[in-house]
Protein backbone atom coordinates (compact mmCIF):
# COMPACT_ATOMS: atom_id res chain seq x y z
CA MET A 1 -40.65 -22.26 -16.66
CA PRO A 2 -37.66 -22.53 -19.04
CA ASP A 3 -35.52 -25.60 -18.37
CA PHE A 4 -32.21 -23.78 -17.79
CA PRO A 5 -30.88 -26.14 -15.09
CA TYR A 6 -30.72 -28.89 -17.76
CA ILE A 7 -29.17 -26.52 -20.33
CA ASN A 8 -26.69 -25.06 -17.86
CA ALA A 9 -25.32 -28.46 -16.85
CA ARG A 10 -24.24 -28.96 -20.46
CA VAL A 11 -22.99 -25.41 -20.86
CA ARG A 12 -20.77 -25.81 -17.80
CA ALA A 13 -19.23 -28.88 -19.39
CA MET A 14 -18.56 -26.80 -22.52
CA ARG A 15 -16.98 -24.08 -20.41
CA SER A 16 -14.38 -26.58 -19.17
CA ARG A 17 -13.01 -26.66 -22.74
CA LEU A 18 -12.23 -22.94 -22.81
CA LEU A 19 -8.52 -22.10 -22.77
CA ASP A 20 -7.31 -20.94 -19.37
CA ALA A 21 -5.19 -17.86 -18.77
CA GLY A 22 -1.99 -19.91 -18.66
CA ARG A 23 -2.65 -21.44 -22.06
CA MET A 24 -3.47 -18.07 -23.60
CA GLU A 25 -0.21 -16.71 -22.21
CA GLU A 26 1.67 -19.63 -23.79
CA LEU A 27 0.09 -18.82 -27.15
CA LEU A 28 1.00 -15.16 -26.73
CA GLY A 29 4.61 -16.11 -26.11
CA LEU A 30 5.08 -18.20 -29.24
CA PRO A 31 7.68 -16.83 -31.66
CA ALA A 32 5.77 -16.91 -34.97
CA LEU A 33 2.51 -17.73 -36.73
CA ASP A 34 3.60 -21.28 -37.68
CA ALA A 35 4.22 -22.10 -34.02
CA PHE A 36 0.83 -20.60 -33.13
CA LEU A 37 -0.93 -22.72 -35.76
CA GLN A 38 0.74 -25.85 -34.46
CA ALA A 39 -0.23 -25.05 -30.87
CA LEU A 40 -3.80 -24.16 -31.83
CA GLY A 41 -3.99 -27.57 -33.48
CA SER A 42 -3.84 -29.19 -30.04
CA THR A 43 -6.81 -27.22 -28.68
CA PRO A 44 -10.59 -27.74 -29.10
CA TYR A 45 -10.26 -25.73 -32.35
CA SER A 46 -8.16 -28.48 -33.97
CA ARG A 47 -10.76 -30.00 -36.29
CA GLU A 48 -11.97 -26.68 -37.69
CA LEU A 49 -8.38 -25.48 -38.12
CA GLN A 50 -7.37 -28.56 -40.09
CA GLU A 51 -10.42 -28.17 -42.33
CA ALA A 52 -9.55 -24.52 -42.97
CA LEU A 53 -5.89 -25.27 -43.68
CA SER A 54 -6.92 -27.94 -46.19
CA HIS A 55 -8.12 -25.26 -48.62
CA THR A 56 -6.03 -22.18 -47.78
CA HIS A 57 -2.33 -21.55 -47.21
CA ASP A 58 -3.06 -18.21 -45.53
CA GLY A 59 -2.55 -18.96 -41.84
CA VAL A 60 -4.42 -15.94 -40.49
CA ARG A 61 -7.36 -16.56 -42.79
CA ALA A 62 -7.43 -20.22 -41.70
CA VAL A 63 -7.51 -19.14 -38.05
CA ASP A 64 -10.35 -16.68 -38.71
CA GLU A 65 -12.37 -19.32 -40.51
CA ALA A 66 -11.72 -22.03 -37.91
CA LEU A 67 -12.61 -19.82 -34.95
CA ALA A 68 -15.78 -18.51 -36.60
CA ARG A 69 -16.93 -22.01 -37.51
CA ASN A 70 -16.22 -23.34 -34.03
CA PHE A 71 -18.19 -20.49 -32.46
CA SER A 72 -21.09 -21.12 -34.83
CA LEU A 73 -21.11 -24.83 -33.98
CA THR A 74 -21.02 -23.93 -30.30
CA THR A 75 -24.10 -21.73 -30.53
CA SER A 76 -25.94 -24.37 -32.56
CA ARG A 77 -25.15 -26.95 -29.90
CA ILE A 78 -26.49 -24.74 -27.11
CA LEU A 79 -29.70 -24.18 -29.08
CA SER A 80 -30.06 -27.94 -29.51
CA PHE A 81 -30.38 -28.27 -25.73
CA ALA A 82 -33.30 -25.84 -25.59
CA ASP A 83 -36.88 -25.54 -26.70
CA GLY A 84 -39.89 -23.35 -25.97
CA LYS A 85 -39.28 -20.08 -24.14
CA ALA A 86 -35.68 -20.98 -23.28
CA ARG A 87 -34.80 -21.38 -26.96
CA GLU A 88 -36.64 -18.16 -27.84
CA LEU A 89 -34.63 -16.19 -25.27
CA ILE A 90 -31.29 -17.73 -26.34
CA GLU A 91 -32.09 -16.97 -29.99
CA LEU A 92 -32.82 -13.38 -29.01
CA VAL A 93 -29.41 -13.09 -27.31
CA LEU A 94 -27.73 -14.60 -30.39
CA THR A 95 -29.51 -12.15 -32.70
CA ARG A 96 -27.12 -9.52 -31.35
CA TRP A 97 -24.32 -11.23 -33.28
CA ASP A 98 -26.46 -11.17 -36.43
CA LEU A 99 -26.91 -7.45 -35.93
CA ALA A 100 -23.15 -6.96 -35.46
CA ASN A 101 -22.41 -8.98 -38.61
CA ILE A 102 -24.93 -7.00 -40.66
CA ARG A 103 -23.41 -3.75 -39.42
CA ILE A 104 -19.91 -4.91 -40.43
CA ILE A 105 -21.16 -5.81 -43.91
CA LEU A 106 -23.05 -2.54 -44.34
CA ARG A 107 -20.03 -0.46 -43.31
CA ALA A 108 -17.75 -2.42 -45.63
CA LYS A 109 -20.07 -2.00 -48.63
CA HIS A 110 -20.52 1.69 -47.82
CA ALA A 111 -16.71 2.07 -47.83
CA GLY A 112 -16.17 -0.17 -50.88
CA ARG A 113 -14.06 -2.80 -49.12
CA HIS A 114 -13.29 -6.26 -50.53
CA ASN A 115 -15.18 -9.41 -49.52
CA ASP A 116 -12.13 -11.10 -48.00
CA GLU A 117 -11.75 -8.23 -45.55
CA ILE A 118 -15.43 -8.54 -44.61
CA LEU A 119 -15.52 -12.30 -44.07
CA ALA A 120 -12.45 -12.16 -41.80
CA ASN A 121 -14.43 -10.04 -39.33
CA LEU A 122 -17.70 -11.99 -39.27
CA ILE A 123 -18.60 -14.48 -36.55
CA PRO A 124 -21.72 -16.54 -37.40
CA ALA A 125 -23.79 -17.15 -34.30
CA GLY A 126 -27.46 -16.39 -34.85
CA ARG A 127 -29.87 -17.26 -37.63
CA LEU A 128 -27.44 -15.94 -40.23
CA ASN A 129 -25.12 -18.93 -40.58
CA GLU A 130 -21.87 -19.01 -42.57
CA PRO A 131 -23.43 -19.67 -46.03
CA ALA A 132 -26.04 -16.95 -45.44
CA LEU A 133 -23.40 -14.42 -44.37
CA LYS A 134 -21.26 -15.25 -47.40
CA GLU A 135 -24.25 -14.63 -49.66
CA VAL A 136 -25.03 -11.31 -48.00
CA ALA A 137 -21.38 -10.20 -47.92
CA GLY A 138 -21.02 -11.11 -51.59
CA GLN A 139 -23.39 -8.35 -52.70
CA SER A 140 -21.94 -5.37 -54.53
CA ASP A 141 -23.45 -2.57 -52.45
CA VAL A 142 -25.70 -1.65 -49.53
CA ALA A 143 -28.86 -2.07 -51.62
CA GLY A 144 -27.74 -5.58 -52.58
CA VAL A 145 -27.17 -6.44 -48.92
CA VAL A 146 -30.68 -5.31 -48.03
CA GLY A 147 -32.13 -7.31 -50.93
CA ALA A 148 -30.20 -10.45 -49.98
CA LEU A 149 -31.43 -10.26 -46.38
CA GLY A 150 -34.98 -9.82 -47.64
CA GLY A 151 -34.56 -12.86 -49.88
CA LEU A 152 -33.58 -14.89 -46.79
CA ASP A 153 -36.86 -13.79 -45.15
CA TYR A 154 -34.84 -12.41 -42.25
CA PRO A 155 -36.65 -10.10 -39.75
CA LEU A 156 -33.86 -7.52 -39.56
CA ALA A 157 -34.23 -6.92 -43.31
CA LEU A 158 -37.45 -4.95 -42.71
CA PRO A 159 -36.00 -1.81 -41.08
CA LEU A 160 -33.19 -1.74 -43.64
CA ALA A 161 -35.65 -1.96 -46.54
CA GLU A 162 -37.70 0.88 -45.02
CA GLY A 163 -34.60 3.08 -44.69
CA LEU A 164 -32.94 2.26 -48.00
CA ALA A 165 -34.48 5.14 -50.00
CA ALA A 166 -33.34 7.69 -47.40
CA TYR A 167 -29.84 6.18 -47.36
CA ARG A 168 -29.59 6.37 -51.16
CA GLU A 169 -30.57 10.03 -51.05
CA SER A 170 -28.37 11.13 -48.12
CA GLY A 171 -25.62 8.52 -47.91
CA ASP A 172 -26.14 8.61 -44.12
CA LEU A 173 -25.14 5.13 -42.98
CA LEU A 174 -25.51 5.93 -39.27
CA SER A 175 -29.23 6.61 -39.67
CA LEU A 176 -29.64 3.29 -41.49
CA GLU A 177 -27.75 1.43 -38.74
CA LEU A 178 -29.88 3.06 -36.05
CA ARG A 179 -33.04 1.90 -37.80
CA LEU A 180 -31.67 -1.59 -37.33
CA GLU A 181 -30.95 -0.96 -33.64
CA ARG A 182 -34.42 0.49 -33.01
CA PHE A 183 -36.12 -2.47 -34.62
CA TYR A 184 -34.03 -4.91 -32.59
CA ALA A 185 -34.80 -3.01 -29.36
CA VAL A 186 -38.56 -3.11 -29.92
CA TYR A 187 -38.40 -6.74 -31.10
CA GLY A 188 -36.29 -7.84 -28.14
CA LEU A 189 -38.18 -5.99 -25.44
CA ARG A 190 -41.40 -7.52 -26.78
CA ILE A 191 -40.00 -11.07 -26.52
CA ALA A 192 -38.52 -10.39 -23.06
CA PRO A 193 -40.98 -8.07 -21.29
CA GLY A 194 -39.40 -8.95 -17.94
CA ARG A 195 -42.07 -11.04 -16.23
CA GLY A 196 -39.72 -13.75 -14.90
CA HIS A 197 -36.07 -13.98 -13.86
CA ASP A 198 -34.76 -15.10 -17.26
CA GLU A 199 -36.71 -12.42 -19.12
CA GLN A 200 -35.50 -9.79 -16.65
CA VAL A 201 -31.87 -10.83 -17.24
CA VAL A 202 -32.28 -10.70 -21.03
CA ARG A 203 -34.17 -7.42 -20.81
CA GLY A 204 -31.42 -5.96 -18.65
CA LEU A 205 -28.82 -7.07 -21.22
CA LEU A 206 -30.82 -5.51 -24.06
CA GLN A 207 -31.07 -2.25 -22.15
CA TYR A 208 -27.34 -2.26 -21.39
CA GLN A 209 -26.63 -2.83 -25.09
CA LEU A 210 -28.98 0.03 -25.98
CA ASP A 211 -27.17 2.28 -23.53
CA ALA A 212 -23.86 1.39 -25.19
CA THR A 213 -25.26 2.22 -28.62
CA ASN A 214 -26.68 5.54 -27.44
CA VAL A 215 -23.41 6.54 -25.77
CA LYS A 216 -21.40 5.77 -28.93
CA THR A 217 -23.91 7.63 -31.11
CA ALA A 218 -23.93 10.69 -28.87
CA VAL A 219 -20.13 10.94 -28.92
CA LYS A 220 -20.16 10.69 -32.74
CA LEU A 221 -22.65 13.58 -32.87
CA GLN A 222 -20.12 15.86 -31.16
CA ARG A 223 -18.45 16.17 -34.56
CA VAL A 224 -21.64 17.63 -36.12
CA GLU A 225 -22.03 21.06 -34.55
CA SER A 226 -24.90 22.25 -36.74
CA LEU A 227 -27.54 19.88 -35.33
CA SER A 228 -30.35 21.24 -33.18
CA ARG A 229 -31.57 19.55 -30.00
CA GLU A 230 -34.52 18.03 -31.87
CA GLU A 231 -32.29 16.77 -34.69
CA LYS A 232 -29.93 15.12 -32.22
CA LEU A 233 -32.78 13.34 -30.46
CA LYS A 234 -33.74 11.68 -33.74
CA PHE A 235 -30.62 9.54 -33.22
CA PHE A 236 -31.63 8.53 -29.68
CA ILE A 237 -33.06 5.01 -29.20
CA PRO A 238 -35.48 4.74 -26.25
CA GLY A 239 -35.79 1.62 -24.13
CA GLY A 240 -32.51 1.66 -22.22
CA ARG A 241 -31.59 3.28 -18.91
CA LEU A 242 -29.73 6.22 -20.49
CA THR A 243 -32.01 9.25 -20.56
CA GLU A 244 -32.46 11.78 -23.34
CA HIS A 245 -31.00 14.40 -21.01
CA VAL A 246 -27.72 12.48 -20.57
CA PHE A 247 -27.65 11.68 -24.30
CA LEU A 248 -27.84 15.39 -25.15
CA ARG A 249 -25.10 16.22 -22.64
CA LEU A 250 -22.83 13.69 -24.35
CA THR A 251 -23.45 15.26 -27.77
CA ASP A 252 -22.03 18.61 -26.61
CA ARG A 253 -18.31 18.90 -25.85
CA ALA A 254 -19.05 21.55 -23.21
CA THR A 255 -21.22 19.16 -21.15
CA ALA A 256 -19.82 15.79 -22.23
CA GLU A 257 -17.86 15.18 -19.03
CA GLN A 258 -21.04 15.57 -16.97
CA GLY A 259 -22.71 13.07 -19.28
CA LEU A 260 -19.81 10.66 -18.86
CA ASN A 261 -20.24 10.73 -15.08
CA ALA A 262 -23.81 9.52 -15.58
CA VAL A 263 -22.58 6.84 -18.00
CA ARG A 264 -20.13 5.57 -15.36
CA VAL A 265 -23.00 5.28 -12.88
CA LEU A 266 -24.71 2.96 -15.38
CA GLY A 267 -21.75 0.59 -15.16
CA PHE A 268 -19.47 1.75 -17.97
CA SER A 269 -16.10 2.37 -16.31
CA VAL A 270 -14.84 4.62 -19.10
CA LYS A 271 -11.41 6.20 -18.64
CA ALA A 272 -10.47 7.10 -22.22
CA SER A 273 -10.65 10.62 -23.54
CA LEU A 274 -13.48 11.49 -25.89
CA ASP A 275 -10.79 12.82 -28.22
CA ASP A 276 -9.79 9.19 -28.90
CA PRO A 277 -13.08 7.67 -30.18
CA VAL A 278 -11.56 4.29 -31.08
CA VAL A 279 -10.24 3.66 -27.56
CA PHE A 280 -13.43 5.11 -26.05
CA GLU A 281 -15.70 2.76 -28.02
CA ARG A 282 -13.45 -0.16 -27.16
CA GLU A 283 -13.84 0.60 -23.44
CA ILE A 284 -17.62 0.67 -23.85
CA ASP A 285 -17.52 -2.72 -25.61
CA VAL A 286 -15.23 -4.23 -22.95
CA ALA A 287 -17.52 -3.00 -20.15
CA LEU A 288 -20.46 -4.65 -21.88
CA LEU A 289 -18.53 -7.89 -22.32
CA ARG A 290 -17.40 -7.94 -18.67
CA ALA A 291 -20.97 -7.40 -17.48
CA GLN A 292 -22.07 -10.48 -19.42
CA ILE A 293 -19.17 -12.62 -18.17
CA ASP A 294 -19.95 -11.59 -14.58
CA LEU A 295 -23.39 -13.19 -14.94
CA TYR A 296 -21.71 -16.61 -14.58
CA LEU A 297 -21.62 -16.08 -10.82
CA GLN A 298 -25.28 -15.05 -10.62
CA ASP A 299 -28.30 -17.41 -10.74
CA PRO A 300 -26.99 -20.94 -11.50
CA LEU A 301 -30.48 -22.03 -12.57
CA GLY A 302 -31.19 -19.21 -15.03
CA ILE A 303 -30.13 -17.94 -18.45
CA ASP A 304 -27.31 -16.07 -16.69
CA VAL A 305 -24.95 -19.05 -17.25
CA VAL A 306 -25.68 -19.27 -20.99
CA ILE A 307 -25.18 -15.53 -21.58
CA ALA A 308 -21.94 -15.55 -19.59
CA TYR A 309 -20.54 -18.58 -21.38
CA LEU A 310 -21.32 -17.11 -24.80
CA ALA A 311 -19.47 -13.93 -23.79
CA MET A 312 -16.49 -15.99 -22.53
CA LYS A 313 -16.37 -18.00 -25.74
CA TYR A 314 -16.65 -14.89 -27.90
CA ASN A 315 -13.90 -13.21 -25.90
CA GLU A 316 -11.66 -16.22 -26.47
CA VAL A 317 -12.31 -16.20 -30.21
CA VAL A 318 -11.57 -12.47 -30.50
CA ASN A 319 -8.38 -12.79 -28.45
CA LEU A 320 -7.12 -15.76 -30.49
CA ARG A 321 -7.70 -13.76 -33.69
CA LEU A 322 -5.66 -10.91 -32.22
CA ILE A 323 -2.82 -13.26 -31.28
CA ALA A 324 -2.79 -14.78 -34.80
CA ARG A 325 -2.54 -11.32 -36.38
CA GLY A 326 0.12 -10.32 -33.90
CA LYS A 327 2.25 -13.35 -34.83
CA ALA A 328 1.76 -12.75 -38.56
CA LEU A 329 2.80 -9.10 -38.28
CA GLY A 330 5.53 -9.54 -35.67
CA ILE A 331 3.78 -7.35 -33.07
CA PRO A 332 5.28 -7.62 -29.55
CA ARG A 333 3.23 -9.70 -27.13
CA ASP A 334 2.69 -6.78 -24.69
CA ARG A 335 1.06 -4.72 -27.44
CA VAL A 336 -1.18 -7.64 -28.42
CA ARG A 337 -2.12 -8.23 -24.79
CA LYS A 338 -3.25 -4.59 -24.47
CA GLU A 339 -5.60 -5.10 -27.41
CA MET A 340 -7.13 -8.26 -25.95
CA ALA A 341 -10.59 -7.61 -24.50
CA VAL A 342 -10.74 -9.55 -21.22
CA VAL A 343 -7.65 -11.54 -20.20
């Protein structure tokens, strides 16, 4: 049986260092970026912030770097508490951040964006640490990214390598991304088949994440009216709780609202209109984040506590990045607060 009671005792101590709502509100109310940097220097992010400021005069970039490094160190510390099956399950949960980072890099290379823009959005957490991500992000194109991941002997490189020829021919990045998601789903559900409590929790999280991916994909497919039923189902990833029937309803504007009702039953309290895809996807992501945070009040002896803490920490990092950008650009605090995920 995985030794989560031992791990959780240490994770709870780490949770006590998270910034409370009052402190976040203080940071939101600061007048400018300089004041924010000074205040952040008196938080648990102080050491990483000072290191970042020692080699850059760009305050927002320093904040991005400091927060990412702190999060990476946090995940490494949690892994150091674990071994055996517990470590394997935690690593599987952390792989989701690797997948998100790879997706960010792929989209940036596909769109021809600069490396500085890419690095500002990456948060090292899994096996792809900061040096590895910098190497991958430093490639000139999608093919280079795939080659760099292969050179690191990283498992998620395999589905990308298999789909590279088709991407080169069609330029269809979504299909390449979904290859990545399918591989991760099969890989994850194999590691956590659901035989014990901890595996059931991780499996449930994987399925919820798959549902989120399928919902987002289906809504994107509404813009492609020429696809047949069979062609649409090629984009569907099995393994979650969302059925093919609901997926197909979501791909058609005429039946999308019926599909959304089914999505809400699955725990996604979506209110946004499908005509605003950015806000819609954000609501899906927030629902997923809240579901993970809510696990903190579930089994105190299981992986629930670790998953919830990681979600809380990630939420804090994302919100602090938003506040830093808000101060740099002079955005009113109420507008920044609306963009913050869970406050």
